[in-house]
Structure formats: structure tokens, C-alpha cells
Amino acid sequence: MTLAHVLDGLRCASCHTLNVLWLDPVRALVECRECGQTALTVHDINEGRFL
């Protein structure tokens, strides 16, 4: 079992490669496996979902 999940159908904003974004909910990061760009995510505690 992996903790990171691939985000199918999404494209990296930096390198424009398709299907290389991974969501790591434990670290609250989205990471591009092609260019290494990362982005922090915000989790709505009241709704239980990512924004």
C-alpha cells in the first residue's frame, strides 16, 4: 500500500507533463515526478476534503 496517490488526467503547471502528479496527503503535498515541482495543499477540516 502506498500513501501517495497518482492524480490521473492532471498536467503539471511547470513542465506540462500529463499524469505525473502525485498527492501525498500525509505531507499535504502534490509533487510532479517529472520535474520535481511541489505544491502545498489545504485541507478543510470542517468538510473533510482538500481545497
N, C-alpha and C. Protein backbone atom coordinates (compact mmCIF):
# COMPACT_ATOMS: atom_id res chain seq x y z
N MET A 1 0.84 -1.18 0.00
CA MET A 1 0.00 0.00 0.00
C MET A 1 0.88 1.24 0.00
N THR A 2 0.57 2.19 -0.87
CA THR A 2 1.32 3.43 -0.91
C THR A 2 0.49 4.55 -0.29
N LEU A 3 1.18 5.50 0.28
CA LEU A 3 0.49 6.63 0.87
C LEU A 3 0.22 7.72 -0.16
N ALA A 4 1.00 7.76 -1.23
CA ALA A 4 0.80 8.76 -2.27
C ALA A 4 -0.13 8.20 -3.35
N HIS A 5 -0.91 9.08 -3.95
CA HIS A 5 -1.88 8.69 -4.97
C HIS A 5 -1.61 9.49 -6.24
N VAL A 6 -1.61 8.81 -7.39
CA VAL A 6 -1.42 9.50 -8.66
C VAL A 6 -2.70 10.26 -9.00
N LEU A 7 -2.53 11.46 -9.53
CA LEU A 7 -3.66 12.30 -9.92
C LEU A 7 -3.84 12.18 -11.44
N ASP A 8 -4.61 11.19 -11.86
CA ASP A 8 -4.83 10.92 -13.29
C ASP A 8 -5.54 12.08 -13.96
N GLY A 9 -5.12 12.36 -15.19
CA GLY A 9 -5.78 13.36 -16.00
C GLY A 9 -5.35 14.80 -15.73
N LEU A 10 -4.42 14.99 -14.81
CA LEU A 10 -3.95 16.34 -14.50
C LEU A 10 -2.56 16.55 -15.07
N ARG A 11 -2.26 17.79 -15.39
CA ARG A 11 -1.00 18.17 -16.02
C ARG A 11 -0.23 19.09 -15.08
N CYS A 12 1.07 18.92 -15.01
CA CYS A 12 1.93 19.78 -14.20
C CYS A 12 1.93 21.19 -14.79
N ALA A 13 1.78 22.20 -13.96
CA ALA A 13 1.76 23.58 -14.43
C ALA A 13 3.16 24.05 -14.84
N SER A 14 4.19 23.42 -14.34
CA SER A 14 5.56 23.84 -14.67
C SER A 14 6.09 23.19 -15.94
N CYS A 15 6.02 21.86 -16.04
CA CYS A 15 6.60 21.17 -17.19
C CYS A 15 5.55 20.68 -18.19
N HIS A 16 4.26 20.80 -17.86
CA HIS A 16 3.13 20.45 -18.72
C HIS A 16 3.04 18.97 -19.06
N THR A 17 3.67 18.12 -18.25
CA THR A 17 3.60 16.67 -18.48
C THR A 17 2.31 16.13 -17.85
N LEU A 18 1.65 15.23 -18.56
CA LEU A 18 0.38 14.66 -18.14
C LEU A 18 0.61 13.43 -17.26
N ASN A 19 -0.22 13.26 -16.24
CA ASN A 19 -0.26 12.09 -15.36
C ASN A 19 1.04 11.85 -14.59
N VAL A 20 1.70 12.90 -14.12
CA VAL A 20 2.90 12.73 -13.31
C VAL A 20 2.76 13.37 -11.93
N LEU A 21 1.54 13.84 -11.60
CA LEU A 21 1.32 14.46 -10.29
C LEU A 21 0.90 13.42 -9.27
N TRP A 22 1.51 13.52 -8.09
CA TRP A 22 1.21 12.61 -7.00
C TRP A 22 0.77 13.40 -5.80
N LEU A 23 -0.30 12.98 -5.16
CA LEU A 23 -0.80 13.59 -3.94
C LEU A 23 -0.30 12.78 -2.75
N ASP A 24 0.36 13.45 -1.83
CA ASP A 24 0.80 12.83 -0.58
C ASP A 24 0.00 13.49 0.54
N PRO A 25 -1.12 12.89 0.97
CA PRO A 25 -1.97 13.53 1.98
C PRO A 25 -1.33 13.64 3.35
N VAL A 26 -0.37 12.78 3.66
CA VAL A 26 0.29 12.84 4.96
C VAL A 26 1.14 14.10 5.07
N ARG A 27 1.87 14.42 3.99
CA ARG A 27 2.72 15.63 3.98
C ARG A 27 1.99 16.84 3.42
N ALA A 28 0.74 16.67 2.96
CA ALA A 28 -0.07 17.73 2.37
C ALA A 28 0.62 18.35 1.16
N LEU A 29 1.17 17.49 0.28
CA LEU A 29 1.90 17.95 -0.90
C LEU A 29 1.37 17.30 -2.16
N VAL A 30 1.47 18.05 -3.25
CA VAL A 30 1.34 17.49 -4.59
C VAL A 30 2.69 17.66 -5.23
N GLU A 31 3.22 16.58 -5.79
CA GLU A 31 4.57 16.60 -6.37
C GLU A 31 4.55 16.08 -7.79
N CYS A 32 5.30 16.76 -8.67
CA CYS A 32 5.49 16.30 -10.05
C CYS A 32 6.69 15.37 -10.08
N ARG A 33 6.49 14.15 -10.55
CA ARG A 33 7.57 13.17 -10.60
C ARG A 33 8.49 13.41 -11.79
N GLU A 34 8.10 14.31 -12.69
CA GLU A 34 8.92 14.61 -13.87
C GLU A 34 9.93 15.71 -13.57
N CYS A 35 9.46 16.85 -13.05
CA CYS A 35 10.34 18.00 -12.85
C CYS A 35 10.64 18.29 -11.37
N GLY A 36 9.91 17.66 -10.45
CA GLY A 36 10.18 17.85 -9.03
C GLY A 36 9.45 19.01 -8.39
N GLN A 37 8.64 19.73 -9.14
CA GLN A 37 7.88 20.85 -8.59
C GLN A 37 6.92 20.33 -7.52
N THR A 38 6.78 21.07 -6.41
CA THR A 38 5.86 20.68 -5.35
C THR A 38 4.90 21.82 -5.05
N ALA A 39 3.75 21.48 -4.51
CA ALA A 39 2.76 22.46 -4.10
C ALA A 39 2.12 21.96 -2.82
N LEU A 40 1.90 22.86 -1.89
CA LEU A 40 1.20 22.52 -0.65
C LEU A 40 -0.29 22.48 -0.90
N THR A 41 -0.99 21.61 -0.19
CA THR A 41 -2.45 21.54 -0.28
C THR A 41 -3.05 22.06 1.01
N VAL A 42 -4.28 22.49 0.93
CA VAL A 42 -5.02 22.97 2.10
C VAL A 42 -6.18 22.02 2.33
N HIS A 43 -6.31 21.56 3.54
CA HIS A 43 -7.37 20.62 3.88
C HIS A 43 -8.41 21.33 4.73
N ASP A 44 -9.67 21.26 4.30
CA ASP A 44 -10.77 21.85 5.05
C ASP A 44 -11.21 20.87 6.12
N ILE A 45 -10.87 21.16 7.36
CA ILE A 45 -11.15 20.24 8.48
C ILE A 45 -12.65 20.05 8.67
N ASN A 46 -13.43 21.10 8.52
CA ASN A 46 -14.88 21.01 8.73
C ASN A 46 -15.57 20.15 7.68
N GLU A 47 -15.12 20.22 6.43
CA GLU A 47 -15.73 19.47 5.35
C GLU A 47 -15.05 18.13 5.09
N GLY A 48 -13.81 17.97 5.56
CA GLY A 48 -13.08 16.72 5.36
C GLY A 48 -12.62 16.52 3.94
N ARG A 49 -12.26 17.58 3.23
CA ARG A 49 -11.83 17.47 1.84
C ARG A 49 -10.70 18.45 1.57
N PHE A 50 -9.98 18.21 0.47
CA PHE A 50 -8.92 19.11 0.05
C PHE A 50 -9.52 20.26 -0.75
N LEU A 51 -8.95 21.45 -0.60
CA LEU A 51 -9.42 22.63 -1.35
C LEU A 51 -8.49 22.89 -2.50
